[in-house]
Amino acid sequence: MKSRKIGNTPLTSGPLGLGCNKMLDPANAEMVSVANAAIDIGINQFDGADVYGEGLCEQFFAKILKPRRKEVTLVTKFGMIRQPDGGVVVDGSPAYARKACEASLARLDMECIDLYYLHRIDPKVPVEESIGGMADLIKAGKVKEIGICNTSADVIRRAHKTHPLASVQMEYSLLERSVEKEVLPACKELGITFVAYGPLTYAFLSGEVQKHGDLPQEDMFRRRQSRFVEENIAHNLRLLSALDEIRAESGGTRAQLALAWCLHRPWDVLPIPGSTKLKHLNDNAAAADIKLTPAQVAKLDTVFAPGAAKGSGAGGAIPAKS
């Protein structure tokens, strides 16, 4: 796969990255195979966080990715602290940035993090202070580049003015396009890569979710999103016919076409679908080779216009406790 730069930095990625919020078990042979296969085919950006599995994701990285460290762009995040009741508090203070970074490096068993995100904006701390603390980590050689998640265009500009951001990460897909109004234009203006999590709307765009009952009882992350309420699923499923029409013209799966649409945006969008199965990894990777025509892109833009889908999305929802 052809590599690409992340923002105006030396960091590189394949055309897609890999969301790793479920990569928690180094004893799971298929997860290990997915990680190594991803690197082999050029999907080298691994996106984790300290809150994923309460540190287990970073420990997975230490066990599986460390032997191939030079081939990997390693990403993790801080700012969300799990509480005994399962909830979280947000801390974006410079002091906590230092503490969280040291803890992540210990779990990763590595000396430096390639890309370090502020996972949530702390309303109690000016973003300039949070970014200043993260910039100090760069000066200390513990972090190479920084980014922020789930925020507004104004906060992105303030953060970038304090220290250049490599990337901004937020949800983006055919069903979730709210960032197109202000966030994506701001990122383009500033030379920041936009990293799209949830680019398949958590398996919905692949057609795997046909009804609310298809969601596992323990999957509260999706169950609490109103777009997965029964009547909204029925409405949103009808939109997928546009993907089927394009499949008839040029092949590919629904998921591949949805990812290809992300790669055909007029902004620098880097989707990071999650995969713990080899089949899903290979299917997703094939999206990088799909060339949509302008007419096909326009059709998807029209059918999935902002507001066409019913129900709200994750909205920066807190990851469920493992």
C-alpha atoms as a PDB file:
ATOM      1  CA  MET A   1       0.000   0.000   0.000  1.00  0.00           C
ATOM      2  CA  LYS A   2       1.150   3.521  -0.734  1.00  0.00           C
ATOM      3  CA  SER A   3       2.125   5.388   2.423  1.00  0.00           C
ATOM      4  CA  ARG A   4       1.000   8.908   3.283  1.00  0.00           C
ATOM      5  CA  LYS A   5       2.153  11.615   5.652  1.00  0.00           C
ATOM      6  CA  ILE A   6       0.185  12.503   8.762  1.00  0.00           C
ATOM      7  CA  GLY A   7      -0.281  16.262   8.657  1.00  0.00           C
ATOM      8  CA  ASN A   8       2.845  18.315   8.204  1.00  0.00           C
ATOM      9  CA  THR A   9       4.980  15.790  10.084  1.00  0.00           C
ATOM     10  CA  PRO A  10       7.472  13.027   9.258  1.00  0.00           C
ATOM     11  CA  LEU A  11       4.989  10.424  10.548  1.00  0.00           C
ATOM     12  CA  THR A  12       3.513   8.117   7.943  1.00  0.00           C
ATOM     13  CA  SER A  13       0.506   5.879   7.604  1.00  0.00           C
ATOM     14  CA  GLY A  14      -1.027   3.631   5.026  1.00  0.00           C
ATOM     15  CA  PRO A  15      -4.152   4.995   3.304  1.00  0.00           C
ATOM     16  CA  LEU A  16      -6.060   3.498   6.232  1.00  0.00           C
ATOM     17  CA  GLY A  17      -5.096   3.051   9.851  1.00  0.00           C
ATOM     18  CA  LEU A  18      -6.238   0.396  12.295  1.00  0.00           C
ATOM     19  CA  GLY A  19      -8.570   1.155  15.195  1.00  0.00           C
ATOM     20  CA  CYS A  20      -7.402  -0.960  18.129  1.00  0.00           C
ATOM     21  CA  ASN A  21      -9.936  -0.403  20.904  1.00  0.00           C
ATOM     22  CA  LYS A  22     -10.705  -4.151  20.902  1.00  0.00           C
ATOM     23  CA  MET A  23      -7.124  -5.355  20.509  1.00  0.00           C
ATOM     24  CA  LEU A  24      -6.605  -6.349  24.115  1.00  0.00           C
ATOM     25  CA  ASP A  25      -5.457  -9.961  24.193  1.00  0.00           C
ATOM     26  CA  PRO A  26      -1.949 -10.977  23.047  1.00  0.00           C
ATOM     27  CA  ALA A  27      -2.952 -14.613  23.578  1.00  0.00           C
ATOM     28  CA  ASN A  28      -5.633 -14.302  20.889  1.00  0.00           C
ATOM     29  CA  ALA A  29      -3.969 -15.809  17.823  1.00  0.00           C
ATOM     30  CA  GLU A  30      -6.210 -14.064  15.297  1.00  0.00           C
ATOM     31  CA  MET A  31      -5.682 -10.643  16.869  1.00  0.00           C
ATOM     32  CA  VAL A  32      -1.946 -11.205  16.660  1.00  0.00           C
ATOM     33  CA  SER A  33      -2.291 -12.322  13.039  1.00  0.00           C
ATOM     34  CA  VAL A  34      -4.329  -9.202  12.229  1.00  0.00           C
ATOM     35  CA  ALA A  35      -1.663  -6.929  13.726  1.00  0.00           C
ATOM     36  CA  ASN A  36       1.157  -8.535  11.768  1.00  0.00           C
ATOM     37  CA  ALA A  37      -0.841  -8.827   8.555  1.00  0.00           C
ATOM     38  CA  ALA A  38      -1.767  -5.144   8.782  1.00  0.00           C
ATOM     39  CA  ILE A  39       1.906  -4.165   8.896  1.00  0.00           C
ATOM     40  CA  ASP A  40       2.710  -6.554   6.068  1.00  0.00           C
ATOM     41  CA  ILE A  41       0.174  -4.937   3.727  1.00  0.00           C
ATOM     42  CA  GLY A  42       1.028  -1.357   4.704  1.00  0.00           C
ATOM     43  CA  ILE A  43      -1.574  -0.509   7.352  1.00  0.00           C
ATOM     44  CA  ASN A  44       1.016   0.622   9.848  1.00  0.00           C
ATOM     45  CA  GLN A  45      -0.832   3.167  12.027  1.00  0.00           C
ATOM     46  CA  PHE A  46      -2.128   1.471  15.178  1.00  0.00           C
ATOM     47  CA  ASP A  47      -4.584   3.644  17.094  1.00  0.00           C
ATOM     48  CA  GLY A  48      -4.937   2.886  20.802  1.00  0.00           C
ATOM     49  CA  ALA A  49      -5.599   4.659  24.093  1.00  0.00           C
ATOM     50  CA  ASP A  50      -4.809   4.171  27.757  1.00  0.00           C
ATOM     51  CA  VAL A  51      -8.518   3.752  28.524  1.00  0.00           C
ATOM     52  CA  TYR A  52      -8.999   0.897  26.022  1.00  0.00           C
ATOM     53  CA  GLY A  53      -9.215  -2.169  28.198  1.00  0.00           C
ATOM     54  CA  GLU A  54      -7.854  -0.041  31.056  1.00  0.00           C
ATOM     55  CA  GLY A  55      -4.324  -0.357  29.713  1.00  0.00           C
ATOM     56  CA  LEU A  56      -4.669  -3.747  28.017  1.00  0.00           C
ATOM     57  CA  CYS A  57      -4.514  -2.209  24.539  1.00  0.00           C
ATOM     58  CA  GLU A  58      -1.127  -0.641  25.291  1.00  0.00           C
ATOM     59  CA  GLN A  59       0.082  -3.910  26.789  1.00  0.00           C
ATOM     60  CA  PHE A  60      -0.987  -5.659  23.579  1.00  0.00           C
ATOM     61  CA  PHE A  61       1.103  -3.140  21.632  1.00  0.00           C
ATOM     62  CA  ALA A  62       4.096  -3.859  23.881  1.00  0.00           C
ATOM     63  CA  LYS A  63       3.831  -7.591  23.348  1.00  0.00           C
ATOM     64  CA  ILE A  64       3.009  -7.686  19.646  1.00  0.00           C
ATOM     65  CA  LEU A  65       4.250  -4.465  18.039  1.00  0.00           C
ATOM     66  CA  LYS A  66       7.532  -3.884  19.846  1.00  0.00           C
ATOM     67  CA  PRO A  67       9.414  -6.467  17.734  1.00  0.00           C
ATOM     68  CA  ARG A  68       8.349  -4.475  14.631  1.00  0.00           C
ATOM     69  CA  ARG A  69       8.604  -1.033  16.206  1.00  0.00           C
ATOM     70  CA  LYS A  70      10.391   0.620  13.257  1.00  0.00           C
ATOM     71  CA  GLU A  71       7.584  -0.425  10.909  1.00  0.00           C
ATOM     72  CA  VAL A  72       4.791   1.032  13.039  1.00  0.00           C
ATOM     73  CA  THR A  73       3.296   4.454  13.690  1.00  0.00           C
ATOM     74  CA  LEU A  74       2.084   3.964  17.241  1.00  0.00           C
ATOM     75  CA  VAL A  75      -0.775   6.084  18.550  1.00  0.00           C
ATOM     76  CA  THR A  76      -2.231   6.332  22.026  1.00  0.00           C
ATOM     77  CA  LYS A  77      -4.327   8.809  23.997  1.00  0.00           C
ATOM     78  CA  PHE A  78      -4.789  10.199  27.495  1.00  0.00           C
ATOM     79  CA  GLY A  79      -7.245  12.350  29.406  1.00  0.00           C
ATOM     80  CA  MET A  80      -9.960   9.900  30.469  1.00  0.00           C
ATOM     81  CA  ILE A  81      -9.676   8.268  33.906  1.00  0.00           C
ATOM     82  CA  ARG A  82     -11.827   5.234  34.592  1.00  0.00           C
ATOM     83  CA  GLN A  83     -13.724   5.335  37.889  1.00  0.00           C
ATOM     84  CA  PRO A  84     -14.701   2.355  40.096  1.00  0.00           C
ATOM     85  CA  ASP A  85     -18.350   2.720  39.039  1.00  0.00           C
ATOM     86  CA  GLY A  86     -17.403   2.382  35.353  1.00  0.00           C
ATOM     87  CA  GLY A  87     -17.699   6.078  34.562  1.00  0.00           C
ATOM     88  CA  VAL A  88     -14.810   8.397  33.755  1.00  0.00           C
ATOM     89  CA  VAL A  89     -13.501  11.810  34.663  1.00  0.00           C
ATOM     90  CA  VAL A  90     -11.593  13.962  32.193  1.00  0.00           C
ATOM     91  CA  ASP A  91      -8.225  15.465  33.064  1.00  0.00           C
ATOM     92  CA  GLY A  92      -6.310  17.491  30.501  1.00  0.00           C
ATOM     93  CA  SER A  93      -3.940  19.213  32.901  1.00  0.00           C
ATOM     94  CA  PRO A  94      -0.204  19.357  32.087  1.00  0.00           C
ATOM     95  CA  ALA A  95       0.542  17.473  35.311  1.00  0.00           C
ATOM     96  CA  TYR A  96      -1.758  14.632  34.330  1.00  0.00           C
ATOM     97  CA  ALA A  97      -0.384  14.619  30.768  1.00  0.00           C
ATOM     98  CA  ARG A  98       3.070  13.895  32.229  1.00  0.00           C
ATOM     99  CA  LYS A  99       1.728  11.248  34.598  1.00  0.00           C
ATOM    100  CA  ALA A 100      -0.393   9.537  31.935  1.00  0.00           C
ATOM    101  CA  CYS A 101       2.429   9.577  29.396  1.00  0.00           C
ATOM    102  CA  GLU A 102       4.843   7.932  31.820  1.00  0.00           C
ATOM    103  CA  ALA A 103       2.242   5.257  32.632  1.00  0.00           C
ATOM    104  CA  SER A 104       1.591   4.605  28.935  1.00  0.00           C
ATOM    105  CA  LEU A 105       5.288   4.327  28.140  1.00  0.00           C
ATOM    106  CA  ALA A 106       5.673   1.826  30.979  1.00  0.00           C
ATOM    107  CA  ARG A 107       2.813  -0.318  29.654  1.00  0.00           C
ATOM    108  CA  LEU A 108       4.093   0.019  26.089  1.00  0.00           C
ATOM    109  CA  ASP A 109       7.623  -0.839  27.189  1.00  0.00           C
ATOM    110  CA  MET A 110       8.831   1.784  24.738  1.00  0.00           C
ATOM    111  CA  GLU A 111      10.772   5.023  24.979  1.00  0.00           C
ATOM    112  CA  CYS A 112       8.619   7.236  22.772  1.00  0.00           C
ATOM    113  CA  ILE A 113       5.037   7.533  21.496  1.00  0.00           C
ATOM    114  CA  ASP A 114       4.721   8.518  17.840  1.00  0.00           C
ATOM    115  CA  LEU A 115       1.385  10.329  18.082  1.00  0.00           C
ATOM    116  CA  TYR A 116      -0.203  11.291  21.395  1.00  0.00           C
ATOM    117  CA  TYR A 117      -3.794  12.537  21.571  1.00  0.00           C
ATOM    118  CA  LEU A 118      -5.742  14.442  24.168  1.00  0.00           C
ATOM    119  CA  HIS A 119      -8.696  12.039  24.183  1.00  0.00           C
ATOM    120  CA  ARG A 120     -11.236  14.541  25.524  1.00  0.00           C
ATOM    121  CA  ILE A 121     -11.083  18.293  25.990  1.00  0.00           C
ATOM    122  CA  ASP A 122     -11.092  19.117  29.689  1.00  0.00           C
ATOM    123  CA  PRO A 123     -13.633  21.926  30.302  1.00  0.00           C
ATOM    124  CA  LYS A 124     -11.729  22.898  33.457  1.00  0.00           C
ATOM    125  CA  VAL A 125      -8.408  23.456  31.653  1.00  0.00           C
ATOM    126  CA  PRO A 126      -7.831  25.915  28.784  1.00  0.00           C
ATOM    127  CA  VAL A 127      -6.798  23.926  25.728  1.00  0.00           C
ATOM    128  CA  GLU A 128      -3.668  26.057  25.478  1.00  0.00           C
ATOM    129  CA  GLU A 129      -2.518  24.680  28.832  1.00  0.00           C
ATOM    130  CA  SER A 130      -3.267  21.092  27.820  1.00  0.00           C
ATOM    131  CA  ILE A 131      -1.387  21.464  24.551  1.00  0.00           C
ATOM    132  CA  GLY A 132       1.464  23.238  26.302  1.00  0.00           C
ATOM    133  CA  GLY A 133       1.851  20.248  28.615  1.00  0.00           C
ATOM    134  CA  MET A 134       1.853  17.895  25.621  1.00  0.00           C
ATOM    135  CA  ALA A 135       4.434  20.069  23.863  1.00  0.00           C
ATOM    136  CA  ASP A 136       6.666  19.655  26.902  1.00  0.00           C
ATOM    137  CA  LEU A 137       6.483  15.895  26.348  1.00  0.00           C
ATOM    138  CA  ILE A 138       7.804  16.434  22.832  1.00  0.00           C
ATOM    139  CA  LYS A 139      10.679  18.508  24.203  1.00  0.00           C
ATOM    140  CA  ALA A 140      11.427  15.713  26.666  1.00  0.00           C
ATOM    141  CA  GLY A 141      11.630  13.180  23.835  1.00  0.00           C
ATOM    142  CA  LYS A 142       8.705  11.119  25.115  1.00  0.00           C
ATOM    143  CA  VAL A 143       6.327  12.004  22.276  1.00  0.00           C
ATOM    144  CA  LYS A 144       6.978  12.833  18.615  1.00  0.00           C
ATOM    145  CA  GLU A 145       3.717  14.503  17.524  1.00  0.00           C
ATOM    146  CA  ILE A 146       0.397  15.439  19.122  1.00  0.00           C
ATOM    147  CA  GLY A 147      -3.283  15.643  18.255  1.00  0.00           C
ATOM    148  CA  ILE A 148      -6.711  16.169  19.829  1.00  0.00           C
ATOM    149  CA  CYS A 149     -10.076  14.405  19.616  1.00  0.00           C
ATOM    150  CA  ASN A 150     -13.752  15.309  19.542  1.00  0.00           C
ATOM    151  CA  THR A 151     -13.746  19.075  19.517  1.00  0.00           C
ATOM    152  CA  SER A 152     -14.711  22.196  17.593  1.00  0.00           C
ATOM    153  CA  ALA A 153     -12.984  24.144  14.849  1.00  0.00           C
ATOM    154  CA  ASP A 154     -12.316  27.015  17.269  1.00  0.00           C
ATOM    155  CA  VAL A 155     -10.578  24.741  19.779  1.00  0.00           C
ATOM    156  CA  ILE A 156      -8.569  23.146  16.962  1.00  0.00           C
ATOM    157  CA  ARG A 157      -7.318  26.573  15.890  1.00  0.00           C
ATOM    158  CA  ARG A 158      -6.401  27.547  19.449  1.00  0.00           C
ATOM    159  CA  ALA A 159      -4.612  24.262  20.039  1.00  0.00           C
ATOM    160  CA  HIS A 160      -2.726  24.421  16.730  1.00  0.00           C
ATOM    161  CA  LYS A 161      -1.604  27.973  17.481  1.00  0.00           C
ATOM    162  CA  THR A 162      -0.119  26.766  20.773  1.00  0.00           C
ATOM    163  CA  HIS A 163       1.714  23.863  19.117  1.00  0.00           C
ATOM    164  CA  PRO A 164       1.206  22.399  15.621  1.00  0.00           C
ATOM    165  CA  LEU A 165      -1.171  19.457  15.571  1.00  0.00           C
ATOM    166  CA  ALA A 166      -0.456  16.430  13.408  1.00  0.00           C
ATOM    167  CA  SER A 167      -4.055  15.263  13.397  1.00  0.00           C
ATOM    168  CA  VAL A 168      -7.556  15.641  14.758  1.00  0.00           C
ATOM    169  CA  GLN A 169      -9.641  12.536  15.435  1.00  0.00           C
ATOM    170  CA  MET A 170     -13.433  12.479  15.360  1.00  0.00           C
ATOM    171  CA  GLU A 171     -16.224  10.268  14.097  1.00  0.00           C
ATOM    172  CA  TYR A 172     -16.872  10.559  10.358  1.00  0.00           C
ATOM    173  CA  SER A 173     -18.762   8.350   7.932  1.00  0.00           C
ATOM    174  CA  LEU A 174     -21.550   8.420   5.376  1.00  0.00           C
ATOM    175  CA  LEU A 175     -23.976   8.535   8.310  1.00  0.00           C
ATOM    176  CA  GLU A 176     -22.059  11.074  10.424  1.00  0.00           C
ATOM    177  CA  ARG A 177     -21.008  14.141   8.438  1.00  0.00           C
ATOM    178  CA  SER A 178     -21.380  16.992  10.910  1.00  0.00           C
ATOM    179  CA  VAL A 179     -17.637  17.713  10.824  1.00  0.00           C
ATOM    180  CA  GLU A 180     -17.835  18.793   7.180  1.00  0.00           C
ATOM    181  CA  LYS A 181     -19.266  22.195   8.059  1.00  0.00           C
ATOM    182  CA  GLU A 182     -16.392  23.627  10.110  1.00  0.00           C
ATOM    183  CA  VAL A 183     -13.933  21.019  11.409  1.00  0.00           C
ATOM    184  CA  LEU A 184     -12.758  19.546   8.118  1.00  0.00           C
ATOM    185  CA  PRO A 185     -12.261  22.948   6.454  1.00  0.00           C
ATOM    186  CA  ALA A 186     -10.245  24.106   9.490  1.00  0.00           C
ATOM    187  CA  CYS A 187      -8.049  21.009   9.313  1.00  0.00           C
ATOM    188  CA  LYS A 188      -7.456  21.525   5.601  1.00  0.00           C
ATOM    189  CA  GLU A 189      -6.543  25.171   6.127  1.00  0.00           C
ATOM    190  CA  LEU A 190      -4.049  24.278   8.855  1.00  0.00           C
ATOM    191  CA  GLY A 191      -2.548  21.224   7.172  1.00  0.00           C
ATOM    192  CA  ILE A 192      -3.887  18.817   9.801  1.00  0.00           C
ATOM    193  CA  THR A 193      -4.845  15.251   8.897  1.00  0.00           C
ATOM    194  CA  PHE A 194      -8.378  14.342   9.933  1.00  0.00           C
ATOM    195  CA  VAL A 195      -8.493  10.817  11.360  1.00  0.00           C
ATOM    196  CA  ALA A 196     -11.959   9.295  11.016  1.00  0.00           C
ATOM    197  CA  TYR A 197     -13.020   6.782  13.619  1.00  0.00           C
ATOM    198  CA  GLY A 198     -16.260   4.852  13.119  1.00  0.00           C
ATOM    199  CA  PRO A 199     -15.995   5.129   9.293  1.00  0.00           C
ATOM    200  CA  LEU A 200     -18.312   2.111   8.932  1.00  0.00           C
ATOM    201  CA  THR A 201     -20.693   3.339  11.660  1.00  0.00           C
ATOM    202  CA  TYR A 202     -19.757   0.343  13.807  1.00  0.00           C
ATOM    203  CA  ALA A 203     -20.620  -2.345  11.218  1.00  0.00           C
ATOM    204  CA  PHE A 204     -23.875  -0.697  10.143  1.00  0.00           C
ATOM    205  CA  LEU A 205     -22.615   0.391   6.723  1.00  0.00           C
ATOM    206  CA  SER A 206     -21.398  -3.133   6.016  1.00  0.00           C
ATOM    207  CA  GLY A 207     -24.944  -4.388   6.497  1.00  0.00           C
ATOM    208  CA  GLU A 208     -24.118  -6.516   9.535  1.00  0.00           C
ATOM    209  CA  VAL A 209     -26.704  -4.767  11.720  1.00  0.00           C
ATOM    210  CA  GLN A 210     -30.203  -5.310  10.372  1.00  0.00           C
ATOM    211  CA  LYS A 211     -32.154  -4.796  13.591  1.00  0.00           C
ATOM    212  CA  HIS A 212     -31.604  -3.684  17.158  1.00  0.00           C
ATOM    213  CA  GLY A 213     -31.558  -7.301  18.295  1.00  0.00           C
ATOM    214  CA  ASP A 214     -28.410  -7.920  16.250  1.00  0.00           C
ATOM    215  CA  LEU A 215     -26.459  -5.916  18.814  1.00  0.00           C
ATOM    216  CA  PRO A 216     -25.078  -8.013  21.687  1.00  0.00           C
ATOM    217  CA  GLN A 217     -26.728  -7.284  25.035  1.00  0.00           C
ATOM    218  CA  GLU A 218     -23.372  -6.224  26.490  1.00  0.00           C
ATOM    219  CA  ASP A 219     -22.676  -3.791  23.629  1.00  0.00           C
ATOM    220  CA  MET A 220     -23.931  -0.668  25.375  1.00  0.00           C
ATOM    221  CA  PHE A 221     -21.698   1.545  23.230  1.00  0.00           C
ATOM    222  CA  ARG A 222     -23.970   0.952  20.240  1.00  0.00           C
ATOM    223  CA  ARG A 223     -27.179   0.217  22.106  1.00  0.00           C
ATOM    224  CA  ARG A 224     -27.213   3.691  23.659  1.00  0.00           C
ATOM    225  CA  GLN A 225     -26.900   5.418  20.281  1.00  0.00           C
ATOM    226  CA  SER A 226     -30.288   6.514  18.968  1.00  0.00           C
ATOM    227  CA  ARG A 227     -29.388   5.630  15.377  1.00  0.00           C
ATOM    228  CA  PHE A 228     -29.507   1.987  16.491  1.00  0.00           C
ATOM    229  CA  VAL A 229     -33.062   2.279  17.816  1.00  0.00           C
ATOM    230  CA  GLU A 230     -35.295  -0.109  15.850  1.00  0.00           C
ATOM    231  CA  GLU A 231     -37.267   2.451  13.848  1.00  0.00           C
ATOM    232  CA  ASN A 232     -34.133   4.434  13.018  1.00  0.00           C
ATOM    233  CA  ILE A 233     -32.287   1.308  11.868  1.00  0.00           C
ATOM    234  CA  ALA A 234     -35.133   0.536   9.471  1.00  0.00           C
ATOM    235  CA  HIS A 235     -34.924   4.044   7.994  1.00  0.00           C
ATOM    236  CA  ASN A 236     -31.142   4.078   7.767  1.00  0.00           C
ATOM    237  CA  LEU A 237     -31.010   0.647   6.120  1.00  0.00           C
ATOM    238  CA  ARG A 238     -32.927   2.047   3.171  1.00  0.00           C
ATOM    239  CA  LEU A 239     -30.067   4.460   2.510  1.00  0.00           C
ATOM    240  CA  LEU A 240     -27.724   1.527   1.879  1.00  0.00           C
ATOM    241  CA  SER A 241     -29.434   0.871  -1.458  1.00  0.00           C
ATOM    242  CA  ALA A 242     -27.190   3.587  -2.901  1.00  0.00           C
ATOM    243  CA  LEU A 243     -24.147   1.499  -1.997  1.00  0.00           C
ATOM    244  CA  ASP A 244     -25.747  -1.516  -3.649  1.00  0.00           C
ATOM    245  CA  GLU A 245     -26.330   0.436  -6.862  1.00  0.00           C
ATOM    246  CA  ILE A 246     -22.662   1.407  -6.992  1.00  0.00           C
ATOM    247  CA  ARG A 247     -21.664  -2.188  -6.226  1.00  0.00           C
ATOM    248  CA  ALA A 248     -23.562  -3.246  -9.327  1.00  0.00           C
ATOM    249  CA  GLU A 249     -21.566  -0.733 -11.382  1.00  0.00           C
ATOM    250  CA  SER A 250     -18.046  -1.261 -10.096  1.00  0.00           C
ATOM    251  CA  GLY A 251     -17.987  -4.130  -7.613  1.00  0.00           C
ATOM    252  CA  GLY A 252     -16.748  -4.010  -4.045  1.00  0.00           C
ATOM    253  CA  THR A 253     -18.657  -4.548  -0.829  1.00  0.00           C
ATOM    254  CA  ARG A 254     -20.763  -2.012   1.023  1.00  0.00           C
ATOM    255  CA  ALA A 255     -17.986  -1.560   3.572  1.00  0.00           C
ATOM    256  CA  GLN A 256     -15.310  -1.108   0.923  1.00  0.00           C
ATOM    257  CA  LEU A 257     -17.365   1.522  -0.890  1.00  0.00           C
ATOM    258  CA  ALA A 258     -18.081   3.384   2.361  1.00  0.00           C
ATOM    259  CA  LEU A 259     -14.356   3.484   3.146  1.00  0.00           C
ATOM    260  CA  ALA A 260     -13.512   4.452  -0.433  1.00  0.00           C
ATOM    261  CA  TRP A 261     -15.920   7.386  -0.090  1.00  0.00           C
ATOM    262  CA  CYS A 262     -13.882   8.573   2.926  1.00  0.00           C
ATOM    263  CA  LEU A 263     -10.737   8.408   0.807  1.00  0.00           C
ATOM    264  CA  HIS A 264     -12.351  10.453  -1.982  1.00  0.00           C
ATOM    265  CA  ARG A 265     -13.213  13.476   0.158  1.00  0.00           C
ATOM    266  CA  PRO A 266     -11.786  16.915  -0.717  1.00  0.00           C
ATOM    267  CA  TRP A 267     -10.059  16.906   2.689  1.00  0.00           C
ATOM    268  CA  ASP A 268      -7.166  14.875   4.090  1.00  0.00           C
ATOM    269  CA  VAL A 269      -9.207  12.084   5.687  1.00  0.00           C
ATOM    270  CA  LEU A 270      -7.574   8.982   7.131  1.00  0.00           C
ATOM    271  CA  PRO A 271     -10.148   6.343   8.173  1.00  0.00           C
ATOM    272  CA  ILE A 272      -9.253   3.896  10.948  1.00  0.00           C
ATOM    273  CA  PRO A 273     -11.764   1.035  10.882  1.00  0.00           C
ATOM    274  CA  GLY A 274     -11.347  -1.468  13.672  1.00  0.00           C
ATOM    275  CA  SER A 275     -10.547  -5.082  12.794  1.00  0.00           C
ATOM    276  CA  THR A 276      -9.878  -8.100  14.959  1.00  0.00           C
ATOM    277  CA  LYS A 277     -10.618 -10.608  12.173  1.00  0.00           C
ATOM    278  CA  LEU A 278      -8.330 -11.254   9.216  1.00  0.00           C
ATOM    279  CA  LYS A 279     -11.268 -11.302   6.815  1.00  0.00           C
ATOM    280  CA  HIS A 280     -12.375  -7.836   7.905  1.00  0.00           C
ATOM    281  CA  LEU A 281      -8.823  -6.482   7.717  1.00  0.00           C
ATOM    282  CA  ASN A 282      -8.337  -7.722   4.170  1.00  0.00           C
ATOM    283  CA  ASP A 283     -11.771  -6.555   3.081  1.00  0.00           C
ATOM    284  CA  ASN A 284     -11.152  -3.086   4.499  1.00  0.00           C
ATOM    285  CA  ALA A 285      -7.690  -2.860   2.969  1.00  0.00           C
ATOM    286  CA  ALA A 286      -9.127  -3.489  -0.499  1.00  0.00           C
ATOM    287  CA  ALA A 287     -11.030  -0.198  -0.223  1.00  0.00           C
ATOM    288  CA  ALA A 288      -7.782   1.664  -0.940  1.00  0.00           C
ATOM    289  CA  ASP A 289      -7.803   0.282  -4.484  1.00  0.00           C
ATOM    290  CA  ILE A 290     -11.369   1.318  -5.320  1.00  0.00           C
ATOM    291  CA  LYS A 291     -11.682   4.340  -7.597  1.00  0.00           C
ATOM    292  CA  LEU A 292     -15.070   5.998  -7.385  1.00  0.00           C
ATOM    293  CA  THR A 293     -16.181   8.186 -10.257  1.00  0.00           C
ATOM    294  CA  PRO A 294     -17.232  11.785  -9.559  1.00  0.00           C
ATOM    295  CA  ALA A 295     -20.798  10.751 -10.331  1.00  0.00           C
ATOM    296  CA  GLN A 296     -20.651   7.917  -7.785  1.00  0.00           C
ATOM    297  CA  VAL A 297     -19.241  10.208  -5.112  1.00  0.00           C
ATOM    298  CA  ALA A 298     -21.958  12.754  -5.872  1.00  0.00           C
ATOM    299  CA  LYS A 299     -24.636  10.058  -5.587  1.00  0.00           C
ATOM    300  CA  LEU A 300     -23.419   9.000  -2.159  1.00  0.00           C
ATOM    301  CA  ASP A 301     -23.120  12.627  -1.073  1.00  0.00           C
ATOM    302  CA  THR A 302     -26.741  13.197  -2.057  1.00  0.00           C
ATOM    303  CA  VAL A 303     -28.291  10.039  -0.622  1.00  0.00           C
ATOM    304  CA  PHE A 304     -26.326  10.327   2.626  1.00  0.00           C
ATOM    305  CA  ALA A 305     -26.623  14.105   2.867  1.00  0.00           C
ATOM    306  CA  PRO A 306     -26.264  15.521   6.390  1.00  0.00           C
ATOM    307  CA  GLY A 307     -29.577  14.963   8.109  1.00  0.00           C
ATOM    308  CA  ALA A 308     -30.659  12.084   5.856  1.00  0.00           C
ATOM    309  CA  ALA A 309     -29.938   9.474   8.519  1.00  0.00           C
ATOM    310  CA  LYS A 310     -32.090   9.240  11.616  1.00  0.00           C
ATOM    311  CA  GLY A 311     -30.683   9.177  15.134  1.00  0.00           C
ATOM    312  CA  SER A 312     -27.499  10.483  16.686  1.00  0.00           C
ATOM    313  CA  GLY A 313     -24.120   8.798  16.863  1.00  0.00           C
ATOM    314  CA  ALA A 314     -21.411   8.172  19.405  1.00  0.00           C
ATOM    315  CA  GLY A 315     -20.703  11.870  19.812  1.00  0.00           C
ATOM    316  CA  GLY A 316     -17.437  11.178  21.566  1.00  0.00           C
ATOM    317  CA  ALA A 317     -19.062   8.582  23.794  1.00  0.00           C
ATOM    318  CA  ILE A 318     -16.995   7.023  26.531  1.00  0.00           C
ATOM    319  CA  PRO A 319     -15.720   3.551  25.582  1.00  0.00           C
ATOM    320  CA  ALA A 320     -17.502   0.833  27.514  1.00  0.00           C
ATOM    321  CA  LYS A 321     -15.554  -0.806  30.301  1.00  0.00           C
ATOM    322  CA  SER A 322     -13.870  -4.050  29.231  1.00  0.00           C
END
